[in-house]
Amino acid sequence: MTKFAGAVNAPDFPSGAEWVNTNRPLTLADLRGKLVVLDFWTFC
């Protein structure tokens, strides 16, 4: 089994990103060790 922990470092979120359902911008450090679901959808 291949271990991926620490194999690829993701860049932090852009400083001007808009957030929904949170009172402050998030960082990758805030999310470390948590299950994260990304939901991408487009308004047409």
Protein backbone atom coordinates (compact mmCIF):
# COMPACT_ATOMS: atom_id res chain seq x y z
CA MET A 1 0.00 0.00 0.00
CA THR A 2 1.34 3.43 -0.95
CA LYS A 3 1.43 6.15 1.68
CA PHE A 4 0.33 9.55 0.39
CA ALA A 5 0.55 11.60 3.58
CA GLY A 6 2.95 14.45 2.94
CA ALA A 7 3.65 13.31 -0.63
CA VAL A 8 2.01 16.35 -2.24
CA ASN A 9 1.57 19.72 -0.57
CA ALA A 10 -1.56 21.57 -1.62
CA PRO A 11 -1.34 25.34 -1.98
CA ASP A 12 -3.27 27.44 0.53
CA PHE A 13 -6.53 29.06 -0.55
CA PRO A 14 -6.32 32.46 -2.30
CA SER A 15 -6.63 35.39 0.10
CA GLY A 16 -9.61 36.92 -1.77
CA ALA A 17 -11.72 33.73 -1.96
CA GLU A 18 -15.41 33.98 -1.05
CA TRP A 19 -16.72 31.55 1.56
CA VAL A 20 -20.24 30.28 2.22
CA ASN A 21 -21.51 29.18 5.66
CA THR A 22 -18.43 30.36 7.57
CA ASN A 23 -17.74 33.58 9.44
CA ARG A 24 -14.05 33.80 8.45
CA PRO A 25 -11.73 32.60 5.68
CA LEU A 26 -10.43 29.05 6.09
CA THR A 27 -6.86 27.80 5.78
CA LEU A 28 -5.54 24.34 5.11
CA ALA A 29 -4.25 24.26 8.68
CA ASP A 30 -7.86 24.72 9.91
CA LEU A 31 -8.93 21.67 7.91
CA ARG A 32 -6.04 19.34 8.74
CA GLY A 33 -7.27 16.02 10.12
CA LYS A 34 -10.90 16.68 9.13
CA LEU A 35 -13.06 15.13 6.44
CA VAL A 36 -13.61 17.74 3.72
CA VAL A 37 -16.26 17.48 0.99
CA LEU A 38 -15.86 19.81 -1.99
CA ASP A 39 -19.03 20.51 -3.94
CA PHE A 40 -18.45 22.21 -7.28
CA TRP A 41 -21.49 23.35 -9.25
CA THR A 42 -22.28 26.00 -11.80
CA PHE A 43 -25.23 28.35 -12.18
CA CYS A 44 -26.35 28.31 -15.80
